[in-house]
Amino acid sequence: MRKFSLVLVAAALFISGNLFANDSDNTDPERSLKTQIQQLLKVNKLVVEDSEELTANVLFTVNGEEEIVVISVETDDSDLESFVKSKLNYKKVELNEFVEGRMYKMPLRVKA
């Protein structure tokens, strides 16, 4: 087993390719949210074996205080579930425009 210190790269590629596919407008709230989530997931202590791949589907919303509220993390790996919840739940984000209570579904894949 080895420490997987670049979970952000895998998450960023998967998120940007599947969840927030949009134009290059940097003022887009979803693009801003994606960037902030990438920063929150950047520092980690996840351990992934060379042939292993961890996946999760994260359902979350942003409340009136501009905090991410994780609704559910669907995964078979309890460490990944704990990691995502601890890194994202009730973390403050800065958004210019957003709809309070809008649900976001973020697929997440971590590869060694």
Protein backbone atom coordinates (compact mmCIF):
# COMPACT_ATOMS: atom_id res chain seq x y z
CA MET A 1 0.00 0.00 0.00
CA ARG A 2 1.15 3.50 -0.64
CA LYS A 3 -0.07 6.90 0.37
CA PHE A 4 -2.08 8.44 -2.40
CA SER A 5 -1.32 12.12 -2.20
CA LEU A 6 -2.85 13.19 -5.50
CA VAL A 7 -6.52 12.31 -4.95
CA LEU A 8 -7.29 15.83 -6.05
CA VAL A 9 -6.03 15.16 -9.57
CA ALA A 10 -8.29 12.16 -10.03
CA ALA A 11 -11.23 13.95 -8.43
CA ALA A 12 -10.67 17.13 -10.43
CA LEU A 13 -10.52 15.29 -13.74
CA PHE A 14 -13.59 13.27 -13.00
CA ILE A 15 -15.56 16.17 -11.59
CA SER A 16 -14.69 18.57 -14.36
CA GLY A 17 -15.41 16.01 -17.05
CA ASN A 18 -18.71 14.78 -15.71
CA LEU A 19 -20.31 17.18 -13.29
CA PHE A 20 -19.47 20.74 -14.19
CA ALA A 21 -19.11 20.57 -17.95
CA ASN A 22 -19.59 24.18 -18.93
CA ASP A 23 -17.95 27.00 -20.83
CA SER A 24 -14.84 28.87 -19.74
CA ASP A 25 -16.73 31.66 -17.96
CA ASN A 26 -14.90 32.01 -14.63
CA THR A 27 -17.81 33.86 -13.02
CA ASP A 28 -20.01 30.77 -13.29
CA PRO A 29 -21.09 29.71 -9.76
CA GLU A 30 -20.71 25.99 -10.55
CA ARG A 31 -17.15 26.50 -11.80
CA SER A 32 -16.33 28.47 -8.66
CA LEU A 33 -17.87 25.74 -6.49
CA LYS A 34 -15.89 23.05 -8.32
CA THR A 35 -12.64 24.93 -7.77
CA GLN A 36 -13.36 25.40 -4.08
CA ILE A 37 -14.22 21.70 -3.64
CA GLN A 38 -10.96 20.76 -5.33
CA GLN A 39 -9.08 22.88 -2.79
CA LEU A 40 -10.97 21.30 0.12
CA LEU A 41 -10.13 17.78 -1.10
CA LYS A 42 -6.51 18.61 -1.87
CA VAL A 43 -4.87 17.66 1.43
CA ASN A 44 -5.59 14.03 2.31
CA LYS A 45 -4.27 10.92 3.98
CA LEU A 46 -6.07 8.34 1.87
CA VAL A 47 -4.22 5.11 1.25
CA VAL A 48 -4.96 3.37 -2.06
CA GLU A 49 -3.33 0.17 -3.31
CA ASP A 50 -1.81 0.19 -6.79
CA SER A 51 -4.61 -1.81 -8.44
CA GLU A 52 -7.43 -0.35 -6.37
CA GLU A 53 -9.95 2.27 -7.42
CA LEU A 54 -12.29 3.97 -4.97
CA THR A 55 -15.55 5.48 -6.16
CA ALA A 56 -18.30 7.48 -4.52
CA ASN A 57 -21.34 9.50 -5.44
CA VAL A 58 -21.65 12.56 -3.25
CA LEU A 59 -24.99 14.32 -2.92
CA PHE A 60 -24.78 17.79 -1.39
CA THR A 61 -26.38 21.20 -1.27
CA VAL A 62 -25.34 24.72 -0.31
CA ASN A 63 -27.29 26.30 2.56
CA GLY A 64 -28.18 29.97 3.16
CA GLU A 65 -24.90 30.57 4.99
CA GLU A 66 -23.00 29.39 1.89
CA GLU A 67 -21.85 26.17 3.54
CA ILE A 68 -21.67 22.80 1.81
CA VAL A 69 -24.06 20.32 3.43
CA VAL A 70 -23.30 16.71 2.52
CA ILE A 71 -26.56 14.77 2.19
CA SER A 72 -25.08 11.37 1.38
CA VAL A 73 -21.92 9.62 0.24
CA GLU A 74 -22.64 6.39 -1.61
CA THR A 75 -19.52 4.20 -1.46
CA ASP A 76 -18.37 0.80 -0.24
CA ASP A 77 -15.26 2.29 1.38
CA SER A 78 -15.90 3.71 4.85
CA ASP A 79 -12.57 5.59 4.86
CA LEU A 80 -13.50 7.42 1.67
CA GLU A 81 -16.93 8.23 3.07
CA SER A 82 -15.42 9.65 6.27
CA PHE A 83 -12.82 11.60 4.28
CA VAL A 84 -15.39 13.25 2.02
CA LYS A 85 -17.72 14.10 4.89
CA SER A 86 -14.96 15.56 7.05
CA LYS A 87 -13.48 17.62 4.22
CA LEU A 88 -16.73 19.00 2.78
CA ASN A 89 -19.50 19.03 5.38
CA TYR A 90 -20.29 22.55 6.64
CA LYS A 91 -17.28 24.10 4.94
CA LYS A 92 -17.86 27.68 3.88
CA VAL A 93 -17.70 28.48 0.16
CA GLU A 94 -17.85 31.82 -1.58
CA LEU A 95 -20.39 32.09 -4.37
CA ASN A 96 -21.60 35.21 -6.14
CA GLU A 97 -24.93 33.74 -7.18
CA PHE A 98 -26.49 30.50 -6.04
CA VAL A 99 -29.86 28.95 -5.37
CA GLU A 100 -30.15 27.90 -1.74
CA GLY A 101 -31.05 24.23 -1.43
CA ARG A 102 -30.09 23.27 -4.98
CA MET A 103 -28.89 19.66 -4.98
CA TYR A 104 -25.59 18.72 -6.60
CA LYS A 105 -24.47 15.18 -7.35
CA MET A 106 -20.72 14.75 -7.61
CA PRO A 107 -19.20 11.49 -8.83
CA LEU A 108 -15.79 10.91 -7.29
CA ARG A 109 -13.14 8.41 -8.36
CA VAL A 110 -9.81 7.85 -6.65
CA LYS A 111 -7.17 5.80 -8.44
CA ALA A 112 -3.66 4.84 -7.40
